[in-house]
Amino acid sequence: MKEFNVEILVEQYIKSGEILYHTTINQEYRKHSKEMDKLIKIYKYLEKNLELAKQAFPKMFENTNACVRMTVATHCLTLGIYIEEAEKILESIRKNEENKFISFEAEMTLKVWKEGNLKIYR
C-alpha cells in the first residue's frame, strides 16, 4: 500500500466518488465493485492512520458529488469520527439527491448505522 498524505487522500476519494457516481447511474456493477475494492484498501490504511482521516475528511464534507460525501460520511461513522457531521451528510443526501439509487443508498446506510450493523468490510 502506498503512503498517503492529505492531498493525495482527498484526490483519491474525489476520483473514486466520481467513478462510483457514474457507475451507479449507469449500472456498471463490475467497475463499481473494482472501485469499492480500492476504497476498502484505503479504509484499512486509515484504520491505522486515523489522524490522516481526521485531517482529510472535513475537506470533502461539502463536495458537490454525493458519492464523495456519502463515502466519506460512511467511513467517518465506521471509524468513529465526525459522527454528527456524517449523519447530517447522509440525511441531506437521502432528502436532496436527485438520483434515487444514491438517495436510497444513503437512507439504507443511515438505517444500518442506527441498527449498529454498519461495516465497511468483513
PDB file of N, CA and C in Angstrom:
ATOM      1  N   MET A   1       0.855  -1.187   0.000  1.00  0.00           N
ATOM      2  CA  MET A   1       0.000   0.000   0.000  1.00  0.00           C
ATOM      3  C   MET A   1       0.887   1.231   0.000  1.00  0.00           C
ATOM      4  N   LYS A   2       0.577   2.148  -0.900  1.00  0.00           N
ATOM      5  CA  LYS A   2       1.360   3.372  -0.954  1.00  0.00           C
ATOM      6  C   LYS A   2       1.029   4.265   0.241  1.00  0.00           C
ATOM      7  N   GLU A   3       1.910   5.179   0.504  1.00  0.00           N
ATOM      8  CA  GLU A   3       1.695   6.140   1.584  1.00  0.00           C
ATOM      9  C   GLU A   3       0.791   7.255   1.084  1.00  0.00           C
ATOM     10  N   PHE A   4      -0.008   7.771   1.984  1.00  0.00           N
ATOM     11  CA  PHE A   4      -0.929   8.856   1.649  1.00  0.00           C
ATOM     12  C   PHE A   4      -0.611  10.080   2.481  1.00  0.00           C
ATOM     13  N   ASN A   5      -0.877  11.248   1.912  1.00  0.00           N
ATOM     14  CA  ASN A   5      -0.933  12.477   2.685  1.00  0.00           C
ATOM     15  C   ASN A   5      -2.330  13.047   2.457  1.00  0.00           C
ATOM     16  N   VAL A   6      -2.634  14.165   3.072  1.00  0.00           N
ATOM     17  CA  VAL A   6      -3.981  14.719   2.994  1.00  0.00           C
ATOM     18  C   VAL A   6      -4.378  14.988   1.546  1.00  0.00           C
ATOM     19  N   GLU A   7      -3.507  15.615   0.782  1.00  0.00           N
ATOM     20  CA  GLU A   7      -3.845  15.972  -0.593  1.00  0.00           C
ATOM     21  C   GLU A   7      -4.104  14.743  -1.452  1.00  0.00           C
ATOM     22  N   ILE A   8      -3.250  13.747  -1.348  1.00  0.00           N
ATOM     23  CA  ILE A   8      -3.417  12.524  -2.134  1.00  0.00           C
ATOM     24  C   ILE A   8      -4.697  11.806  -1.730  1.00  0.00           C
ATOM     25  N   LEU A   9      -4.977  11.780  -0.446  1.00  0.00           N
ATOM     26  CA  LEU A   9      -6.189  11.122   0.042  1.00  0.00           C
ATOM     27  C   LEU A   9      -7.448  11.814  -0.492  1.00  0.00           C
ATOM     28  N   VAL A  10      -7.465  13.131  -0.425  1.00  0.00           N
ATOM     29  CA  VAL A  10      -8.614  13.892  -0.935  1.00  0.00           C
ATOM     30  C   VAL A  10      -8.778  13.646  -2.435  1.00  0.00           C
ATOM     31  N   GLU A  11      -7.683  13.703  -3.181  1.00  0.00           N
ATOM     32  CA  GLU A  11      -7.753  13.451  -4.626  1.00  0.00           C
ATOM     33  C   GLU A  11      -8.314  12.069  -4.920  1.00  0.00           C
ATOM     34  N   GLN A  12      -7.870  11.058  -4.167  1.00  0.00           N
ATOM     35  CA  GLN A  12      -8.326   9.692  -4.423  1.00  0.00           C
ATOM     36  C   GLN A  12      -9.805   9.522  -4.097  1.00  0.00           C
ATOM     37  N   TYR A  13     -10.258  10.092  -2.989  1.00  0.00           N
ATOM     38  CA  TYR A  13     -11.679   9.987  -2.644  1.00  0.00           C
ATOM     39  C   TYR A  13     -12.548  10.694  -3.685  1.00  0.00           C
ATOM     40  N   ILE A  14     -12.091  11.837  -4.174  1.00  0.00           N
ATOM     41  CA  ILE A  14     -12.859  12.553  -5.193  1.00  0.00           C
ATOM     42  C   ILE A  14     -12.893  11.756  -6.489  1.00  0.00           C
ATOM     43  N   LYS A  15     -11.757  11.223  -6.892  1.00  0.00           N
ATOM     44  CA  LYS A  15     -11.703  10.398  -8.103  1.00  0.00           C
ATOM     45  C   LYS A  15     -12.611   9.182  -7.951  1.00  0.00           C
ATOM     46  N   SER A  16     -12.513   8.499  -6.833  1.00  0.00           N
ATOM     47  CA  SER A  16     -13.344   7.318  -6.592  1.00  0.00           C
ATOM     48  C   SER A  16     -14.820   7.687  -6.544  1.00  0.00           C
ATOM     49  N   GLY A  17     -15.143   8.796  -5.917  1.00  0.00           N
ATOM     50  CA  GLY A  17     -16.529   9.242  -5.845  1.00  0.00           C
ATOM     51  C   GLY A  17     -17.124   9.510  -7.209  1.00  0.00           C
ATOM     52  N   GLU A  18     -16.329  10.094  -8.091  1.00  0.00           N
ATOM     53  CA  GLU A  18     -16.798  10.340  -9.457  1.00  0.00           C
ATOM     54  C   GLU A  18     -17.066   9.025 -10.185  1.00  0.00           C
ATOM     55  N   ILE A  19     -16.173   8.074 -10.019  1.00  0.00           N
ATOM     56  CA  ILE A  19     -16.355   6.762 -10.641  1.00  0.00           C
ATOM     57  C   ILE A  19     -17.584   6.075 -10.056  1.00  0.00           C
ATOM     58  N   LEU A  20     -17.743   6.114  -8.745  1.00  0.00           N
ATOM     59  CA  LEU A  20     -18.899   5.475  -8.109  1.00  0.00           C
ATOM     60  C   LEU A  20     -20.207   6.109  -8.568  1.00  0.00           C
ATOM     61  N   TYR A  21     -20.217   7.417  -8.702  1.00  0.00           N
ATOM     62  CA  TYR A  21     -21.438   8.090  -9.150  1.00  0.00           C
ATOM     63  C   TYR A  21     -21.826   7.613 -10.544  1.00  0.00           C
ATOM     64  N   HIS A  22     -20.860   7.651 -11.448  1.00  0.00           N
ATOM     65  CA  HIS A  22     -21.157   7.278 -12.836  1.00  0.00           C
ATOM     66  C   HIS A  22     -21.481   5.795 -12.980  1.00  0.00           C
ATOM     67  N   THR A  23     -20.784   4.945 -12.242  1.00  0.00           N
ATOM     68  CA  THR A  23     -21.085   3.515 -12.341  1.00  0.00           C
ATOM     69  C   THR A  23     -22.417   3.179 -11.693  1.00  0.00           C
ATOM     70  N   THR A  24     -22.836   3.959 -10.713  1.00  0.00           N
ATOM     71  CA  THR A  24     -24.143   3.740 -10.096  1.00  0.00           C
ATOM     72  C   THR A  24     -25.258   4.121 -11.070  1.00  0.00           C
ATOM     73  N   ILE A  25     -25.180   5.319 -11.632  1.00  0.00           N
ATOM     74  CA  ILE A  25     -26.272   5.756 -12.504  1.00  0.00           C
ATOM     75  C   ILE A  25     -26.309   4.985 -13.821  1.00  0.00           C
ATOM     76  N   ASN A  26     -25.164   4.441 -14.226  1.00  0.00           N
ATOM     77  CA  ASN A  26     -25.108   3.669 -15.467  1.00  0.00           C
ATOM     78  C   ASN A  26     -25.166   2.160 -15.225  1.00  0.00           C
ATOM     79  N   GLN A  27     -25.319   1.772 -13.982  1.00  0.00           N
ATOM     80  CA  GLN A  27     -25.425   0.364 -13.579  1.00  0.00           C
ATOM     81  C   GLN A  27     -24.265  -0.482 -14.113  1.00  0.00           C
ATOM     82  N   GLU A  28     -23.057   0.031 -13.926  1.00  0.00           N
ATOM     83  CA  GLU A  28     -21.833  -0.677 -14.315  1.00  0.00           C
ATOM     84  C   GLU A  28     -21.247  -1.321 -13.052  1.00  0.00           C
ATOM     85  N   TYR A  29     -21.796  -2.469 -12.709  1.00  0.00           N
ATOM     86  CA  TYR A  29     -21.518  -3.074 -11.409  1.00  0.00           C
ATOM     87  C   TYR A  29     -20.081  -3.559 -11.250  1.00  0.00           C
ATOM     88  N   ARG A  30     -19.486  -4.051 -12.322  1.00  0.00           N
ATOM     89  CA  ARG A  30     -18.097  -4.522 -12.215  1.00  0.00           C
ATOM     90  C   ARG A  30     -17.133  -3.381 -11.907  1.00  0.00           C
ATOM     91  N   LYS A  31     -17.284  -2.289 -12.629  1.00  0.00           N
ATOM     92  CA  LYS A  31     -16.428  -1.124 -12.392  1.00  0.00           C
ATOM     93  C   LYS A  31     -16.675  -0.565 -10.994  1.00  0.00           C
ATOM     94  N   HIS A  32     -17.930  -0.578 -10.582  1.00  0.00           N
ATOM     95  CA  HIS A  32     -18.292  -0.092  -9.251  1.00  0.00           C
ATOM     96  C   HIS A  32     -17.597  -0.943  -8.178  1.00  0.00           C
ATOM     97  N   SER A  33     -17.671  -2.251  -8.307  1.00  0.00           N
ATOM     98  CA  SER A  33     -17.039  -3.154  -7.335  1.00  0.00           C
ATOM     99  C   SER A  33     -15.531  -2.979  -7.299  1.00  0.00           C
ATOM    100  N   LYS A  34     -14.935  -2.788  -8.462  1.00  0.00           N
ATOM    101  CA  LYS A  34     -13.486  -2.590  -8.532  1.00  0.00           C
ATOM    102  C   LYS A  34     -13.072  -1.321  -7.774  1.00  0.00           C
ATOM    103  N   GLU A  35     -13.867  -0.270  -7.937  1.00  0.00           N
ATOM    104  CA  GLU A  35     -13.554   0.982  -7.239  1.00  0.00           C
ATOM    105  C   GLU A  35     -13.773   0.839  -5.733  1.00  0.00           C
ATOM    106  N   MET A  36     -14.813   0.111  -5.353  1.00  0.00           N
ATOM    107  CA  MET A  36     -15.061  -0.130  -3.925  1.00  0.00           C
ATOM    108  C   MET A  36     -13.904  -0.899  -3.299  1.00  0.00           C
ATOM    109  N   ASP A  37     -13.332  -1.843  -4.043  1.00  0.00           N
ATOM    110  CA  ASP A  37     -12.172  -2.588  -3.538  1.00  0.00           C
ATOM    111  C   ASP A  37     -11.003  -1.649  -3.248  1.00  0.00           C
ATOM    112  N   LYS A  38     -10.789  -0.661  -4.117  1.00  0.00           N
ATOM    113  CA  LYS A  38      -9.729   0.329  -3.881  1.00  0.00           C
ATOM    114  C   LYS A  38     -10.008   1.106  -2.596  1.00  0.00           C
ATOM    115  N   LEU A  39     -11.263   1.500  -2.414  1.00  0.00           N
ATOM    116  CA  LEU A  39     -11.618   2.271  -1.220  1.00  0.00           C
ATOM    117  C   LEU A  39     -11.487   1.444   0.055  1.00  0.00           C
ATOM    118  N   ILE A  40     -11.743   0.167  -0.017  1.00  0.00           N
ATOM    119  CA  ILE A  40     -11.569  -0.695   1.157  1.00  0.00           C
ATOM    120  C   ILE A  40     -10.103  -0.741   1.558  1.00  0.00           C
ATOM    121  N   LYS A  41      -9.213  -0.820   0.588  1.00  0.00           N
ATOM    122  CA  LYS A  41      -7.771  -0.817   0.889  1.00  0.00           C
ATOM    123  C   LYS A  41      -7.374   0.497   1.567  1.00  0.00           C
ATOM    124  N   ILE A  42      -7.893   1.598   1.059  1.00  0.00           N
ATOM    125  CA  ILE A  42      -7.592   2.900   1.663  1.00  0.00           C
ATOM    126  C   ILE A  42      -8.179   2.968   3.073  1.00  0.00           C
ATOM    127  N   TYR A  43      -9.395   2.481   3.229  1.00  0.00           N
ATOM    128  CA  TYR A  43     -10.051   2.467   4.542  1.00  0.00           C
ATOM    129  C   TYR A  43      -9.203   1.687   5.553  1.00  0.00           C
ATOM    130  N   LYS A  44      -8.701   0.529   5.157  1.00  0.00           N
ATOM    131  CA  LYS A  44      -7.860  -0.274   6.058  1.00  0.00           C
ATOM    132  C   LYS A  44      -6.602   0.505   6.457  1.00  0.00           C
ATOM    133  N   TYR A  45      -6.057   1.248   5.516  1.00  0.00           N
ATOM    134  CA  TYR A  45      -4.906   2.105   5.812  1.00  0.00           C
ATOM    135  C   TYR A  45      -5.297   3.170   6.837  1.00  0.00           C
ATOM    136  N   LEU A  46      -6.471   3.761   6.652  1.00  0.00           N
ATOM    137  CA  LEU A  46      -6.917   4.823   7.559  1.00  0.00           C
ATOM    138  C   LEU A  46      -7.246   4.309   8.953  1.00  0.00           C
ATOM    139  N   GLU A  47      -7.633   3.060   9.069  1.00  0.00           N
ATOM    140  CA  GLU A  47      -7.866   2.482  10.398  1.00  0.00           C
ATOM    141  C   GLU A  47      -6.610   2.578  11.253  1.00  0.00           C
ATOM    142  N   LYS A  48      -5.461   2.513  10.604  1.00  0.00           N
ATOM    143  CA  LYS A  48      -4.170   2.585  11.301  1.00  0.00           C
ATOM    144  C   LYS A  48      -3.590   3.999  11.288  1.00  0.00           C
ATOM    145  N   ASN A  49      -4.227   4.902  10.551  1.00  0.00           N
ATOM    146  CA  ASN A  49      -3.755   6.282  10.394  1.00  0.00           C
ATOM    147  C   ASN A  49      -4.929   7.245  10.568  1.00  0.00           C
ATOM    148  N   LEU A  50      -5.574   7.150  11.706  1.00  0.00           N
ATOM    149  CA  LEU A  50      -6.809   7.892  11.961  1.00  0.00           C
ATOM    150  C   LEU A  50      -6.622   9.407  11.897  1.00  0.00           C
ATOM    151  N   GLU A  51      -5.480   9.897  12.298  1.00  0.00           N
ATOM    152  CA  GLU A  51      -5.239  11.344  12.261  1.00  0.00           C
ATOM    153  C   GLU A  51      -5.292  11.871  10.829  1.00  0.00           C
ATOM    154  N   LEU A  52      -4.825  11.075   9.889  1.00  0.00           N
ATOM    155  CA  LEU A  52      -4.889  11.467   8.487  1.00  0.00           C
ATOM    156  C   LEU A  52      -6.342  11.594   8.035  1.00  0.00           C
ATOM    157  N   ALA A  53      -7.166  10.654   8.428  1.00  0.00           N
ATOM    158  CA  ALA A  53      -8.594  10.723   8.100  1.00  0.00           C
ATOM    159  C   ALA A  53      -9.221  11.970   8.725  1.00  0.00           C
ATOM    160  N   LYS A  54      -8.856  12.272   9.955  1.00  0.00           N
ATOM    161  CA  LYS A  54      -9.406  13.446  10.642  1.00  0.00           C
ATOM    162  C   LYS A  54      -9.024  14.741   9.940  1.00  0.00           C
ATOM    163  N   GLN A  55      -7.862  14.765   9.314  1.00  0.00           N
ATOM    164  CA  GLN A  55      -7.436  15.957   8.589  1.00  0.00           C
ATOM    165  C   GLN A  55      -8.080  16.052   7.209  1.00  0.00           C
ATOM    166  N   ALA A  56      -8.232  14.917   6.535  1.00  0.00           N
ATOM    167  CA  ALA A  56      -8.673  14.925   5.141  1.00  0.00           C
ATOM    168  C   ALA A  56     -10.191  14.978   4.981  1.00  0.00           C
ATOM    169  N   PHE A  57     -10.922  14.243   5.785  1.00  0.00           N
ATOM    170  CA  PHE A  57     -12.359  14.098   5.557  1.00  0.00           C
ATOM    171  C   PHE A  57     -13.139  15.411   5.593  1.00  0.00           C
ATOM    172  N   PRO A  58     -12.879  16.313   6.538  1.00  0.00           N
ATOM    173  CA  PRO A  58     -13.648  17.570   6.530  1.00  0.00           C
ATOM    174  C   PRO A  58     -13.509  18.364   5.237  1.00  0.00           C
ATOM    175  N   LYS A  59     -12.416  18.182   4.527  1.00  0.00           N
ATOM    176  CA  LYS A  59     -12.211  18.891   3.269  1.00  0.00           C
ATOM    177  C   LYS A  59     -13.196  18.436   2.187  1.00  0.00           C
ATOM    178  N   MET A  60     -13.858  17.296   2.428  1.00  0.00           N
ATOM    179  CA  MET A  60     -14.774  16.752   1.426  1.00  0.00           C
ATOM    180  C   MET A  60     -16.230  16.770   1.872  1.00  0.00           C
ATOM    181  N   PHE A  61     -16.515  17.288   3.055  1.00  0.00           N
ATOM    182  CA  PHE A  61     -17.888  17.290   3.580  1.00  0.00           C
ATOM    183  C   PHE A  61     -18.876  18.026   2.676  1.00  0.00           C
ATOM    184  N   GLU A  62     -18.403  19.009   1.933  1.00  0.00           N
ATOM    185  CA  GLU A  62     -19.309  19.789   1.090  1.00  0.00           C
ATOM    186  C   GLU A  62     -19.010  19.606  -0.398  1.00  0.00           C
ATOM    187  N   ASN A  63     -18.353  18.534  -0.748  1.00  0.00           N
ATOM    188  CA  ASN A  63     -18.082  18.248  -2.152  1.00  0.00           C
ATOM    189  C   ASN A  63     -19.399  18.169  -2.910  1.00  0.00           C
ATOM    190  N   THR A  64     -19.403  18.589  -4.155  1.00  0.00           N
ATOM    191  CA  THR A  64     -20.643  18.597  -4.937  1.00  0.00           C
ATOM    192  C   THR A  64     -21.101  17.193  -5.325  1.00  0.00           C
ATOM    193  N   ASN A  65     -20.215  16.227  -5.298  1.00  0.00           N
ATOM    194  CA  ASN A  65     -20.549  14.853  -5.691  1.00  0.00           C
ATOM    195  C   ASN A  65     -21.098  14.093  -4.479  1.00  0.00           C
ATOM    196  N   ALA A  66     -22.335  13.621  -4.602  1.00  0.00           N
ATOM    197  CA  ALA A  66     -22.982  12.905  -3.496  1.00  0.00           C
ATOM    198  C   ALA A  66     -22.235  11.639  -3.106  1.00  0.00           C
ATOM    199  N   CYS A  67     -21.618  10.964  -4.067  1.00  0.00           N
ATOM    200  CA  CYS A  67     -20.895   9.733  -3.744  1.00  0.00           C
ATOM    201  C   CYS A  67     -19.616  10.007  -2.961  1.00  0.00           C
ATOM    202  N   VAL A  68     -18.974  11.134  -3.226  1.00  0.00           N
ATOM    203  CA  VAL A  68     -17.810  11.525  -2.420  1.00  0.00           C
ATOM    204  C   VAL A  68     -18.262  11.759  -0.987  1.00  0.00           C
ATOM    205  N   ARG A  69     -19.304  12.565  -0.818  1.00  0.00           N
ATOM    206  CA  ARG A  69     -19.801  12.872   0.537  1.00  0.00           C
ATOM    207  C   ARG A  69     -20.294  11.613   1.252  1.00  0.00           C
ATOM    208  N   MET A  70     -21.001  10.754   0.531  1.00  0.00           N
ATOM    209  CA  MET A  70     -21.545   9.555   1.153  1.00  0.00           C
ATOM    210  C   MET A  70     -20.426   8.600   1.582  1.00  0.00           C
ATOM    211  N   THR A  71     -19.426   8.432   0.744  1.00  0.00           N
ATOM    212  CA  THR A  71     -18.306   7.556   1.097  1.00  0.00           C
ATOM    213  C   THR A  71     -17.569   8.092   2.312  1.00  0.00           C
ATOM    214  N   VAL A  72     -17.276   9.378   2.304  1.00  0.00           N
ATOM    215  CA  VAL A  72     -16.584   9.991   3.440  1.00  0.00           C
ATOM    216  C   VAL A  72     -17.434   9.875   4.705  1.00  0.00           C
ATOM    217  N   ALA A  73     -18.719  10.156   4.604  1.00  0.00           N
ATOM    218  CA  ALA A  73     -19.602  10.079   5.775  1.00  0.00           C
ATOM    219  C   ALA A  73     -19.663   8.657   6.318  1.00  0.00           C
ATOM    220  N   THR A  74     -19.781   7.686   5.436  1.00  0.00           N
ATOM    221  CA  THR A  74     -19.834   6.291   5.861  1.00  0.00           C
ATOM    222  C   THR A  74     -18.538   5.887   6.551  1.00  0.00           C
ATOM    223  N   HIS A  75     -17.429   6.305   5.990  1.00  0.00           N
ATOM    224  CA  HIS A  75     -16.137   5.990   6.602  1.00  0.00           C
ATOM    225  C   HIS A  75     -15.979   6.696   7.948  1.00  0.00           C
ATOM    226  N   CYS A  76     -16.478   7.909   8.047  1.00  0.00           N
ATOM    227  CA  CYS A  76     -16.447   8.604   9.340  1.00  0.00           C
ATOM    228  C   CYS A  76     -17.205   7.803  10.400  1.00  0.00           C
ATOM    229  N   LEU A  77     -18.398   7.360  10.057  1.00  0.00           N
ATOM    230  CA  LEU A  77     -19.210   6.609  11.024  1.00  0.00           C
ATOM    231  C   LEU A  77     -18.479   5.366  11.506  1.00  0.00           C
ATOM    232  N   THR A  78     -17.942   4.605  10.574  1.00  0.00           N
ATOM    233  CA  THR A  78     -17.308   3.340  10.962  1.00  0.00           C
ATOM    234  C   THR A  78     -15.948   3.530  11.625  1.00  0.00           C
ATOM    235  N   LEU A  79     -15.314   4.663  11.376  1.00  0.00           N
ATOM    236  CA  LEU A  79     -14.053   4.968  12.056  1.00  0.00           C
ATOM    237  C   LEU A  79     -14.285   5.665  13.403  1.00  0.00           C
ATOM    238  N   GLY A  80     -15.528   6.069  13.652  1.00  0.00           N
ATOM    239  CA  GLY A  80     -15.857   6.725  14.914  1.00  0.00           C
ATOM    240  C   GLY A  80     -15.424   8.167  15.006  1.00  0.00           C
ATOM    241  N   ILE A  81     -15.393   8.854  13.862  1.00  0.00           N
ATOM    242  CA  ILE A  81     -15.008  10.271  13.853  1.00  0.00           C
ATOM    243  C   ILE A  81     -16.108  11.087  13.175  1.00  0.00           C
ATOM    244  N   TYR A  82     -16.266  12.319  13.574  1.00  0.00           N
ATOM    245  CA  TYR A  82     -17.223  13.252  12.966  1.00  0.00           C
ATOM    246  C   TYR A  82     -18.618  12.631  12.796  1.00  0.00           C
ATOM    247  N   ILE A  83     -19.073  11.946  13.820  1.00  0.00           N
ATOM    248  CA  ILE A  83     -20.342  11.214  13.753  1.00  0.00           C
ATOM    249  C   ILE A  83     -21.516  12.128  13.406  1.00  0.00           C
ATOM    250  N   GLU A  84     -21.647  13.228  14.126  1.00  0.00           N
ATOM    251  CA  GLU A  84     -22.782  14.132  13.896  1.00  0.00           C
ATOM    252  C   GLU A  84     -22.775  14.686  12.473  1.00  0.00           C
ATOM    253  N   GLU A  85     -21.595  15.094  12.002  1.00  0.00           N
ATOM    254  CA  GLU A  85     -21.481  15.628  10.648  1.00  0.00           C
ATOM    255  C   GLU A  85     -21.833  14.549   9.623  1.00  0.00           C
ATOM    256  N   ALA A  86     -21.347  13.339   9.842  1.00  0.00           N
ATOM    257  CA  ALA A  86     -21.595  12.238   8.911  1.00  0.00           C
ATOM    258  C   ALA A  86     -23.082  11.920   8.815  1.00  0.00           C
ATOM    259  N   GLU A  87     -23.761  11.894   9.940  1.00  0.00           N
ATOM    260  CA  GLU A  87     -25.207  11.634   9.927  1.00  0.00           C
ATOM    261  C   GLU A  87     -25.947  12.731   9.161  1.00  0.00           C
ATOM    262  N   LYS A  88     -25.550  13.978   9.360  1.00  0.00           N
ATOM    263  CA  LYS A  88     -26.185  15.090   8.650  1.00  0.00           C
ATOM    264  C   LYS A  88     -25.946  14.994   7.141  1.00  0.00           C
ATOM    265  N   ILE A  89     -24.744  14.608   6.748  1.00  0.00           N
ATOM    266  CA  ILE A  89     -24.427  14.466   5.324  1.00  0.00           C
ATOM    267  C   ILE A  89     -25.301  13.389   4.695  1.00  0.00           C
ATOM    268  N   LEU A  90     -25.399  12.250   5.350  1.00  0.00           N
ATOM    269  CA  LEU A  90     -26.211  11.160   4.804  1.00  0.00           C
ATOM    270  C   LEU A  90     -27.686  11.529   4.755  1.00  0.00           C
ATOM    271  N   GLU A  91     -28.151  12.214   5.773  1.00  0.00           N
ATOM    272  CA  GLU A  91     -29.547  12.642   5.784  1.00  0.00           C
ATOM    273  C   GLU A  91     -29.811  13.644   4.658  1.00  0.00           C
ATOM    274  N   SER A  92     -28.887  14.535   4.415  1.00  0.00           N
ATOM    275  CA  SER A  92     -29.021  15.507   3.336  1.00  0.00           C
ATOM    276  C   SER A  92     -29.057  14.808   1.972  1.00  0.00           C
ATOM    277  N   ILE A  93     -28.200  13.830   1.775  1.00  0.00           N
ATOM    278  CA  ILE A  93     -28.198  13.082   0.515  1.00  0.00           C
ATOM    279  C   ILE A  93     -29.514  12.329   0.376  1.00  0.00           C
ATOM    280  N   ARG A  94     -29.972  11.732   1.452  1.00  0.00           N
ATOM    281  CA  ARG A  94     -31.238  10.992   1.426  1.00  0.00           C
ATOM    282  C   ARG A  94     -32.388  11.889   0.977  1.00  0.00           C
ATOM    283  N   LYS A  95     -32.412  13.099   1.476  1.00  0.00           N
ATOM    284  CA  LYS A  95     -33.515  14.017   1.178  1.00  0.00           C
ATOM    285  C   LYS A  95     -33.370  14.737  -0.156  1.00  0.00           C
ATOM    286  N   ASN A  96     -32.156  15.064  -0.544  1.00  0.00           N
ATOM    287  CA  ASN A  96     -31.951  16.005  -1.646  1.00  0.00           C
ATOM    288  C   ASN A  96     -31.355  15.442  -2.929  1.00  0.00           C
ATOM    289  N   GLU A  97     -30.805  14.258  -2.902  1.00  0.00           N
ATOM    290  CA  GLU A  97     -30.158  13.722  -4.105  1.00  0.00           C
ATOM    291  C   GLU A  97     -31.201  13.354  -5.154  1.00  0.00           C
ATOM    292  N   GLU A  98     -30.978  13.819  -6.369  1.00  0.00           N
ATOM    293  CA  GLU A  98     -31.912  13.552  -7.469  1.00  0.00           C
ATOM    294  C   GLU A  98     -31.902  12.091  -7.896  1.00  0.00           C
ATOM    295  N   ASN A  99     -30.719  11.466  -7.858  1.00  0.00           N
ATOM    296  CA  ASN A  99     -30.627  10.073  -8.267  1.00  0.00           C
ATOM    297  C   ASN A  99     -31.162   9.185  -7.146  1.00  0.00           C
ATOM    298  N   LYS A 100     -32.206   8.446  -7.441  1.00  0.00           N
ATOM    299  CA  LYS A 100     -32.895   7.651  -6.417  1.00  0.00           C
ATOM    300  C   LYS A 100     -32.052   6.489  -5.895  1.00  0.00           C
ATOM    301  N   PHE A 101     -31.149   5.934  -6.735  1.00  0.00           N
ATOM    302  CA  PHE A 101     -30.265   4.865  -6.268  1.00  0.00           C
ATOM    303  C   PHE A 101     -29.361   5.390  -5.153  1.00  0.00           C
ATOM    304  N   ILE A 102     -28.829   6.583  -5.365  1.00  0.00           N
ATOM    305  CA  ILE A 102     -27.887   7.163  -4.409  1.00  0.00           C
ATOM    306  C   ILE A 102     -28.616   7.622  -3.148  1.00  0.00           C
ATOM    307  N   SER A 103     -29.781   8.230  -3.296  1.00  0.00           N
ATOM    308  CA  SER A 103     -30.526   8.646  -2.097  1.00  0.00           C
ATOM    309  C   SER A 103     -30.949   7.426  -1.281  1.00  0.00           C
ATOM    310  N   PHE A 104     -31.326   6.347  -1.951  1.00  0.00           N
ATOM    311  CA  PHE A 104     -31.701   5.118  -1.265  1.00  0.00           C
ATOM    312  C   PHE A 104     -30.496   4.523  -0.532  1.00  0.00           C
ATOM    313  N   GLU A 105     -29.320   4.561  -1.154  1.00  0.00           N
ATOM    314  CA  GLU A 105     -28.119   4.056  -0.512  1.00  0.00           C
ATOM    315  C   GLU A 105     -27.807   4.849   0.761  1.00  0.00           C
ATOM    316  N   ALA A 106     -27.977   6.159   0.704  1.00  0.00           N
ATOM    317  CA  ALA A 106     -27.762   6.986   1.897  1.00  0.00           C
ATOM    318  C   ALA A 106     -28.770   6.623   2.986  1.00  0.00           C
ATOM    319  N   GLU A 107     -30.024   6.423   2.588  1.00  0.00           N
ATOM    320  CA  GLU A 107     -31.066   6.038   3.547  1.00  0.00           C
ATOM    321  C   GLU A 107     -30.743   4.704   4.215  1.00  0.00           C
ATOM    322  N   MET A 108     -30.319   3.726   3.434  1.00  0.00           N
ATOM    323  CA  MET A 108     -30.004   2.407   3.981  1.00  0.00           C
ATOM    324  C   MET A 108     -28.745   2.442   4.847  1.00  0.00           C
ATOM    325  N   THR A 109     -27.787   3.263   4.466  1.00  0.00           N
ATOM    326  CA  THR A 109     -26.576   3.404   5.280  1.00  0.00           C
ATOM    327  C   THR A 109     -26.935   3.936   6.657  1.00  0.00           C
ATOM    328  N   LEU A 110     -27.780   4.962   6.701  1.00  0.00           N
ATOM    329  CA  LEU A 110     -28.235   5.503   7.993  1.00  0.00           C
ATOM    330  C   LEU A 110     -28.996   4.455   8.799  1.00  0.00           C
ATOM    331  N   LYS A 111     -29.855   3.723   8.153  1.00  0.00           N
ATOM    332  CA  LYS A 111     -30.652   2.699   8.835  1.00  0.00           C
ATOM    333  C   LYS A 111     -29.749   1.629   9.458  1.00  0.00           C
ATOM    334  N   VAL A 112     -28.813   1.122   8.670  1.00  0.00           N
ATOM    335  CA  VAL A 112     -27.904   0.081   9.156  1.00  0.00           C
ATOM    336  C   VAL A 112     -27.014   0.640  10.270  1.00  0.00           C
ATOM    337  N   TRP A 113     -26.587   1.898  10.143  1.00  0.00           N
ATOM    338  CA  TRP A 113     -25.783   2.556  11.182  1.00  0.00           C
ATOM    339  C   TRP A 113     -26.564   2.622  12.498  1.00  0.00           C
ATOM    340  N   LYS A 114     -27.798   3.071  12.416  1.00  0.00           N
ATOM    341  CA  LYS A 114     -28.611   3.211  13.628  1.00  0.00           C
ATOM    342  C   LYS A 114     -28.921   1.867  14.264  1.00  0.00           C
ATOM    343  N   GLU A 115     -28.941   0.816  13.465  1.00  0.00           N
ATOM    344  CA  GLU A 115     -29.147  -0.532  13.994  1.00  0.00           C
ATOM    345  C   GLU A 115     -27.868  -1.123  14.575  1.00  0.00           C
ATOM    346  N   GLY A 116     -26.737  -0.431  14.365  1.00  0.00           N
ATOM    347  CA  GLY A 116     -25.457  -0.887  14.910  1.00  0.00           C
ATOM    348  C   GLY A 116     -24.766  -1.946  14.069  1.00  0.00           C
ATOM    349  N   ASN A 117     -25.119  -2.035  12.797  1.00  0.00           N
ATOM    350  CA  ASN A 117     -24.586  -3.098  11.947  1.00  0.00           C
ATOM    351  C   ASN A 117     -23.730  -2.610  10.777  1.00  0.00           C
ATOM    352  N   LEU A 118     -23.347  -1.345  10.757  1.00  0.00           N
ATOM    353  CA  LEU A 118     -22.618  -0.800   9.613  1.00  0.00           C
ATOM    354  C   LEU A 118     -21.155  -1.254   9.643  1.00  0.00           C
ATOM    355  N   LYS A 119     -20.733  -1.889   8.544  1.00  0.00           N
ATOM    356  CA  LYS A 119     -19.361  -2.348   8.400  1.00  0.00           C
ATOM    357  C   LYS A 119     -18.887  -2.024   6.995  1.00  0.00           C
ATOM    358  N   ILE A 120     -17.616  -1.758   6.835  1.00  0.00           N
ATOM    359  CA  ILE A 120     -17.038  -1.474   5.530  1.00  0.00           C
ATOM    360  C   ILE A 120     -16.594  -2.754   4.844  1.00  0.00           C
ATOM    361  N   TYR A 121     -16.061  -3.660   5.599  1.00  0.00           N
ATOM    362  CA  TYR A 121     -15.612  -4.941   5.063  1.00  0.00           C
ATOM    363  C   TYR A 121     -15.765  -5.997   6.143  1.00  0.00           C
ATOM    364  N   ARG A 122     -15.662  -7.233   5.731  1.00  0.00           N
ATOM    365  CA  ARG A 122     -15.805  -8.347   6.687  1.00  0.00           C
ATOM    366  C   ARG A 122     -14.460  -8.953   6.986  1.00  0.00           C
TER     367      ARG A 122
END
